Amino acid sequence: MKLDRLVSKSAPAAIGPYSHGVKRGDMIITSGQIPVDPQTHEMVREIKAATLTVLNNLISVVEEGGGDRTTVAKVDVFVRSLSDFDAINQVYSEFFGDSKPARVLVQVSDLPDGALLEAAMTAFVK
């Protein structure tokens, strides 16, 4: 089986030589997304709004591959400050509701364009 490249018209363009995601069989793997508003192309700098922006951008890629929020198996989150943990958890919980994908959340020293967080998803076709 070959990898199918995923590009979402609802997410901002990739800032490097990579696709929004790939799909092989029923598995969808996204690239990382930073909180860039797809309408204004501005970086979102408030942590709750930034978290929601990233999750919405990622889910648009998952949907492009045939999945949805309920088929997300894992989310990898990279944050500049663990002091944002509670705010991220609040948005994450509201976003996924009863669906509770596995998650990794780690603090890193820096992210592209000074972003507050970056995340990626692994999901499956619905």
N, C-alpha and C. Protein backbone atom coordinates (compact mmCIF):
# COMPACT_ATOMS: atom_id res chain seq x y z
N MET A 1 0.84 -1.19 0.00
CA MET A 1 0.00 0.00 0.00
C MET A 1 0.88 1.25 0.00
N LYS A 2 0.42 2.25 -0.71
CA LYS A 2 1.17 3.51 -0.74
C LYS A 2 0.60 4.48 0.28
N LEU A 3 1.38 5.51 0.61
CA LEU A 3 0.91 6.58 1.47
C LEU A 3 0.15 7.60 0.64
N ASP A 4 -1.01 7.99 1.11
CA ASP A 4 -1.76 9.06 0.48
C ASP A 4 -1.50 10.34 1.24
N ARG A 5 -1.16 11.38 0.53
CA ARG A 5 -0.88 12.68 1.12
C ARG A 5 -2.20 13.39 1.41
N LEU A 6 -2.32 13.95 2.62
CA LEU A 6 -3.53 14.68 3.01
C LEU A 6 -3.23 16.17 3.06
N VAL A 7 -4.11 16.95 2.45
CA VAL A 7 -4.02 18.41 2.50
C VAL A 7 -5.41 18.93 2.82
N SER A 8 -5.53 19.69 3.89
CA SER A 8 -6.81 20.27 4.29
C SER A 8 -6.88 21.72 3.83
N LYS A 9 -7.95 22.07 3.16
CA LYS A 9 -8.17 23.46 2.76
C LYS A 9 -8.54 24.32 3.97
N SER A 10 -8.90 23.68 5.09
CA SER A 10 -9.31 24.40 6.29
C SER A 10 -8.16 24.68 7.25
N ALA A 11 -7.00 24.14 6.98
CA ALA A 11 -5.83 24.36 7.84
C ALA A 11 -4.84 25.27 7.11
N PRO A 12 -4.02 26.01 7.87
CA PRO A 12 -3.01 26.86 7.21
C PRO A 12 -2.00 26.00 6.45
N ALA A 13 -1.42 26.57 5.43
CA ALA A 13 -0.43 25.86 4.63
C ALA A 13 0.76 25.45 5.50
N ALA A 14 1.38 24.34 5.15
CA ALA A 14 2.57 23.88 5.85
C ALA A 14 3.69 24.91 5.69
N ILE A 15 4.49 25.10 6.74
CA ILE A 15 5.58 26.08 6.68
C ILE A 15 6.91 25.44 6.31
N GLY A 16 6.85 24.19 5.92
CA GLY A 16 8.06 23.47 5.54
C GLY A 16 7.75 22.44 4.47
N PRO A 17 8.73 21.59 4.15
CA PRO A 17 8.58 20.60 3.08
C PRO A 17 7.88 19.33 3.57
N TYR A 18 6.64 19.46 3.98
CA TYR A 18 5.87 18.32 4.47
C TYR A 18 4.39 18.54 4.17
N SER A 19 3.63 17.48 4.25
CA SER A 19 2.20 17.57 4.02
C SER A 19 1.49 17.72 5.37
N HIS A 20 0.22 18.08 5.31
CA HIS A 20 -0.58 18.16 6.55
C HIS A 20 -0.67 16.81 7.24
N GLY A 21 -0.67 15.77 6.44
CA GLY A 21 -0.75 14.43 7.01
C GLY A 21 -0.63 13.39 5.93
N VAL A 22 -0.61 12.14 6.37
CA VAL A 22 -0.59 11.01 5.45
C VAL A 22 -1.59 9.98 5.93
N LYS A 23 -2.01 9.15 4.97
CA LYS A 23 -2.96 8.08 5.27
C LYS A 23 -2.47 6.82 4.58
N ARG A 24 -2.51 5.75 5.31
CA ARG A 24 -2.21 4.44 4.74
C ARG A 24 -3.25 3.48 5.28
N GLY A 25 -3.98 2.87 4.39
CA GLY A 25 -5.06 1.99 4.84
C GLY A 25 -6.06 2.80 5.64
N ASP A 26 -6.32 2.37 6.86
CA ASP A 26 -7.28 3.10 7.69
C ASP A 26 -6.60 3.99 8.74
N MET A 27 -5.28 4.16 8.64
CA MET A 27 -4.55 4.98 9.61
C MET A 27 -4.23 6.37 9.04
N ILE A 28 -4.45 7.39 9.87
CA ILE A 28 -4.18 8.78 9.52
C ILE A 28 -3.15 9.31 10.51
N ILE A 29 -2.08 9.90 10.01
CA ILE A 29 -1.05 10.50 10.86
C ILE A 29 -0.87 11.94 10.39
N THR A 30 -1.06 12.89 11.30
CA THR A 30 -0.91 14.29 10.91
C THR A 30 0.49 14.78 11.22
N SER A 31 0.87 15.83 10.51
CA SER A 31 2.05 16.59 10.89
C SER A 31 1.67 17.49 12.05
N GLY A 32 2.64 18.08 12.69
CA GLY A 32 2.37 19.02 13.76
C GLY A 32 1.71 20.29 13.23
N GLN A 33 0.84 20.84 14.05
CA GLN A 33 0.19 22.12 13.74
C GLN A 33 0.48 23.08 14.89
N ILE A 34 0.88 24.29 14.54
CA ILE A 34 1.00 25.36 15.52
C ILE A 34 -0.25 26.23 15.39
N PRO A 35 -0.53 27.09 16.36
CA PRO A 35 -1.80 27.83 16.37
C PRO A 35 -1.84 29.02 15.41
N VAL A 36 -1.88 28.72 14.13
CA VAL A 36 -2.03 29.75 13.11
C VAL A 36 -3.49 29.75 12.67
N ASP A 37 -4.12 30.90 12.78
CA ASP A 37 -5.51 31.04 12.36
C ASP A 37 -5.56 30.88 10.84
N PRO A 38 -6.34 29.91 10.32
CA PRO A 38 -6.34 29.68 8.88
C PRO A 38 -6.98 30.82 8.07
N GLN A 39 -7.79 31.65 8.71
CA GLN A 39 -8.42 32.78 8.01
C GLN A 39 -7.48 33.99 7.92
N THR A 40 -6.87 34.34 9.06
CA THR A 40 -6.05 35.56 9.12
C THR A 40 -4.56 35.28 8.92
N HIS A 41 -4.16 34.03 9.06
CA HIS A 41 -2.75 33.60 8.98
C HIS A 41 -1.91 34.20 10.11
N GLU A 42 -2.58 34.63 11.18
CA GLU A 42 -1.91 35.19 12.36
C GLU A 42 -1.70 34.09 13.40
N MET A 43 -0.61 34.21 14.15
CA MET A 43 -0.36 33.30 15.26
C MET A 43 -1.28 33.67 16.41
N VAL A 44 -1.98 32.69 16.98
CA VAL A 44 -2.85 32.90 18.13
C VAL A 44 -1.98 32.84 19.38
N ARG A 45 -2.06 33.87 20.23
CA ARG A 45 -1.12 34.01 21.35
C ARG A 45 -1.75 33.80 22.73
N GLU A 46 -3.06 33.54 22.81
CA GLU A 46 -3.71 33.24 24.10
C GLU A 46 -3.87 31.73 24.16
N ILE A 47 -3.49 31.09 25.27
CA ILE A 47 -3.33 29.64 25.32
C ILE A 47 -4.62 28.87 25.03
N LYS A 48 -5.75 29.29 25.57
CA LYS A 48 -6.99 28.54 25.30
C LYS A 48 -7.38 28.65 23.83
N ALA A 49 -7.33 29.86 23.29
CA ALA A 49 -7.66 30.06 21.88
C ALA A 49 -6.64 29.34 21.00
N ALA A 50 -5.37 29.35 21.40
CA ALA A 50 -4.32 28.67 20.63
C ALA A 50 -4.55 27.16 20.61
N THR A 51 -4.93 26.60 21.76
CA THR A 51 -5.21 25.17 21.84
C THR A 51 -6.37 24.79 20.93
N LEU A 52 -7.44 25.56 20.98
CA LEU A 52 -8.60 25.28 20.13
C LEU A 52 -8.25 25.41 18.65
N THR A 53 -7.46 26.40 18.31
CA THR A 53 -7.03 26.58 16.92
C THR A 53 -6.25 25.37 16.43
N VAL A 54 -5.31 24.91 17.23
CA VAL A 54 -4.51 23.74 16.86
C VAL A 54 -5.40 22.52 16.70
N LEU A 55 -6.29 22.28 17.65
CA LEU A 55 -7.16 21.10 17.56
C LEU A 55 -8.08 21.17 16.34
N ASN A 56 -8.63 22.35 16.06
CA ASN A 56 -9.48 22.50 14.87
C ASN A 56 -8.70 22.28 13.58
N ASN A 57 -7.48 22.82 13.52
CA ASN A 57 -6.65 22.61 12.33
C ASN A 57 -6.33 21.13 12.15
N LEU A 58 -6.00 20.46 13.23
CA LEU A 58 -5.67 19.04 13.15
C LEU A 58 -6.88 18.20 12.75
N ILE A 59 -8.02 18.49 13.34
CA ILE A 59 -9.19 17.66 13.03
C ILE A 59 -9.61 17.85 11.57
N SER A 60 -9.33 19.02 11.00
CA SER A 60 -9.65 19.20 9.58
C SER A 60 -8.81 18.27 8.70
N VAL A 61 -7.58 18.00 9.13
CA VAL A 61 -6.73 17.05 8.40
C VAL A 61 -7.25 15.63 8.59
N VAL A 62 -7.62 15.29 9.81
CA VAL A 62 -8.19 13.97 10.10
C VAL A 62 -9.46 13.76 9.26
N GLU A 63 -10.30 14.77 9.20
CA GLU A 63 -11.53 14.66 8.41
C GLU A 63 -11.23 14.51 6.92
N GLU A 64 -10.20 15.16 6.45
CA GLU A 64 -9.78 15.02 5.05
C GLU A 64 -9.44 13.57 4.74
N GLY A 65 -8.92 12.85 5.74
CA GLY A 65 -8.57 11.44 5.57
C GLY A 65 -9.70 10.48 5.84
N GLY A 66 -10.86 11.01 6.26
CA GLY A 66 -12.02 10.13 6.50
C GLY A 66 -12.29 9.82 7.96
N GLY A 67 -11.58 10.47 8.87
CA GLY A 67 -11.81 10.26 10.30
C GLY A 67 -12.61 11.40 10.90
N ASP A 68 -12.77 11.36 12.21
CA ASP A 68 -13.40 12.45 12.95
C ASP A 68 -12.90 12.41 14.39
N ARG A 69 -13.46 13.26 15.23
CA ARG A 69 -12.99 13.34 16.63
C ARG A 69 -13.03 11.99 17.34
N THR A 70 -14.03 11.18 17.02
CA THR A 70 -14.18 9.90 17.71
C THR A 70 -13.18 8.85 17.25
N THR A 71 -12.48 9.11 16.14
CA THR A 71 -11.51 8.14 15.64
C THR A 71 -10.07 8.54 15.94
N VAL A 72 -9.89 9.65 16.67
CA VAL A 72 -8.54 10.07 17.07
C VAL A 72 -8.08 9.15 18.18
N ALA A 73 -6.95 8.48 17.96
CA ALA A 73 -6.42 7.54 18.94
C ALA A 73 -5.40 8.17 19.87
N LYS A 74 -4.63 9.14 19.35
CA LYS A 74 -3.56 9.73 20.15
C LYS A 74 -3.29 11.15 19.71
N VAL A 75 -2.97 12.00 20.68
CA VAL A 75 -2.58 13.39 20.41
C VAL A 75 -1.24 13.62 21.12
N ASP A 76 -0.28 14.11 20.37
CA ASP A 76 1.02 14.49 20.93
C ASP A 76 1.04 16.01 21.02
N VAL A 77 1.28 16.54 22.22
CA VAL A 77 1.25 17.98 22.46
C VAL A 77 2.60 18.43 23.00
N PHE A 78 3.12 19.49 22.41
CA PHE A 78 4.38 20.08 22.85
C PHE A 78 4.09 21.52 23.26
N VAL A 79 4.42 21.87 24.50
CA VAL A 79 4.11 23.20 25.03
C VAL A 79 5.40 23.90 25.46
N ARG A 80 5.35 25.22 25.41
CA ARG A 80 6.50 25.99 25.88
C ARG A 80 6.50 26.13 27.39
N SER A 81 5.31 26.00 28.02
CA SER A 81 5.24 26.15 29.47
C SER A 81 4.21 25.20 30.07
N LEU A 82 4.65 24.39 31.02
CA LEU A 82 3.72 23.50 31.71
C LEU A 82 2.73 24.26 32.58
N SER A 83 2.95 25.55 32.80
CA SER A 83 1.97 26.34 33.55
C SER A 83 0.66 26.48 32.76
N ASP A 84 0.67 26.15 31.47
CA ASP A 84 -0.54 26.18 30.65
C ASP A 84 -1.31 24.86 30.68
N PHE A 85 -0.83 23.89 31.45
CA PHE A 85 -1.41 22.54 31.50
C PHE A 85 -2.91 22.55 31.77
N ASP A 86 -3.36 23.27 32.80
CA ASP A 86 -4.78 23.28 33.16
C ASP A 86 -5.64 23.90 32.06
N ALA A 87 -5.19 24.98 31.46
CA ALA A 87 -5.95 25.64 30.39
C ALA A 87 -6.05 24.72 29.17
N ILE A 88 -4.96 24.07 28.83
CA ILE A 88 -4.97 23.12 27.70
C ILE A 88 -5.92 21.98 28.00
N ASN A 89 -5.87 21.43 29.21
CA ASN A 89 -6.76 20.33 29.58
C ASN A 89 -8.23 20.72 29.47
N GLN A 90 -8.57 21.94 29.86
CA GLN A 90 -9.95 22.39 29.79
C GLN A 90 -10.44 22.40 28.34
N VAL A 91 -9.67 22.98 27.45
CA VAL A 91 -10.05 23.04 26.03
C VAL A 91 -10.07 21.64 25.43
N TYR A 92 -9.07 20.84 25.74
CA TYR A 92 -8.96 19.47 25.22
C TYR A 92 -10.18 18.65 25.64
N SER A 93 -10.56 18.76 26.90
CA SER A 93 -11.72 18.03 27.42
C SER A 93 -13.01 18.45 26.72
N GLU A 94 -13.20 19.74 26.54
CA GLU A 94 -14.40 20.24 25.85
C GLU A 94 -14.39 19.82 24.38
N PHE A 95 -13.24 19.83 23.75
CA PHE A 95 -13.13 19.49 22.33
C PHE A 95 -13.48 18.03 22.08
N PHE A 96 -12.96 17.13 22.90
CA PHE A 96 -13.16 15.70 22.67
C PHE A 96 -14.37 15.12 23.38
N GLY A 97 -14.90 15.79 24.39
CA GLY A 97 -16.08 15.27 25.09
C GLY A 97 -15.84 13.89 25.66
N ASP A 98 -16.75 12.97 25.36
CA ASP A 98 -16.64 11.61 25.88
C ASP A 98 -15.55 10.79 25.20
N SER A 99 -15.12 11.22 24.04
CA SER A 99 -14.02 10.55 23.36
C SER A 99 -12.73 11.02 24.03
N LYS A 100 -11.94 10.12 24.52
CA LYS A 100 -10.75 10.49 25.27
C LYS A 100 -9.52 9.80 24.67
N PRO A 101 -8.96 10.39 23.59
CA PRO A 101 -7.78 9.76 22.99
C PRO A 101 -6.59 9.79 23.94
N ALA A 102 -5.69 8.86 23.73
CA ALA A 102 -4.43 8.86 24.48
C ALA A 102 -3.70 10.16 24.17
N ARG A 103 -2.82 10.57 25.09
CA ARG A 103 -2.14 11.85 24.88
C ARG A 103 -0.77 11.84 25.53
N VAL A 104 0.14 12.55 24.88
CA VAL A 104 1.45 12.89 25.43
C VAL A 104 1.50 14.40 25.47
N LEU A 105 1.93 14.98 26.58
CA LEU A 105 2.10 16.44 26.67
C LEU A 105 3.43 16.69 27.36
N VAL A 106 4.33 17.34 26.63
CA VAL A 106 5.67 17.62 27.18
C VAL A 106 6.04 19.07 26.95
N GLN A 107 6.85 19.59 27.86
CA GLN A 107 7.37 20.94 27.71
C GLN A 107 8.63 20.90 26.86
N VAL A 108 8.72 21.86 25.95
CA VAL A 108 9.91 21.99 25.09
C VAL A 108 10.46 23.41 25.23
N SER A 109 11.69 23.61 24.82
CA SER A 109 12.31 24.92 25.02
C SER A 109 11.84 25.96 24.00
N ASP A 110 11.44 25.53 22.81
CA ASP A 110 10.99 26.49 21.81
C ASP A 110 10.19 25.76 20.75
N LEU A 111 9.40 26.53 20.01
CA LEU A 111 8.58 26.00 18.91
C LEU A 111 8.65 26.97 17.73
N PRO A 112 8.29 26.50 16.54
CA PRO A 112 8.36 27.38 15.37
C PRO A 112 7.59 28.69 15.57
N ASP A 113 8.17 29.77 15.11
CA ASP A 113 7.55 31.09 15.16
C ASP A 113 7.11 31.52 16.56
N GLY A 114 7.76 30.97 17.59
CA GLY A 114 7.43 31.33 18.97
C GLY A 114 6.07 30.87 19.43
N ALA A 115 5.52 29.83 18.79
CA ALA A 115 4.20 29.32 19.15
C ALA A 115 4.16 28.84 20.60
N LEU A 116 2.98 28.93 21.21
CA LEU A 116 2.78 28.46 22.59
C LEU A 116 2.71 26.94 22.67
N LEU A 117 2.22 26.31 21.60
CA LEU A 117 2.11 24.86 21.58
C LEU A 117 2.10 24.37 20.14
N GLU A 118 2.36 23.09 20.00
CA GLU A 118 2.25 22.38 18.72
C GLU A 118 1.70 21.01 19.06
N ALA A 119 0.89 20.46 18.16
CA ALA A 119 0.32 19.13 18.41
C ALA A 119 0.19 18.38 17.10
N ALA A 120 0.09 17.06 17.22
CA ALA A 120 -0.13 16.16 16.08
C ALA A 120 -1.08 15.08 16.53
N MET A 121 -1.79 14.47 15.58
CA MET A 121 -2.76 13.42 15.88
C MET A 121 -2.48 12.15 15.09
N THR A 122 -2.84 11.04 15.70
CA THR A 122 -2.93 9.75 15.01
C THR A 122 -4.40 9.35 15.11
N ALA A 123 -4.99 9.03 13.97
CA ALA A 123 -6.41 8.68 13.95
C ALA A 123 -6.65 7.57 12.94
N PHE A 124 -7.90 7.17 12.86
CA PHE A 124 -8.29 6.11 11.93
C PHE A 124 -9.50 6.56 11.12
N VAL A 125 -9.69 5.91 9.98
CA VAL A 125 -10.85 6.19 9.15
C VAL A 125 -12.08 5.72 9.88
N LYS A 126 -13.15 6.49 9.76
CA LYS A 126 -14.39 6.15 10.45
C LYS A 126 -15.05 4.94 9.82
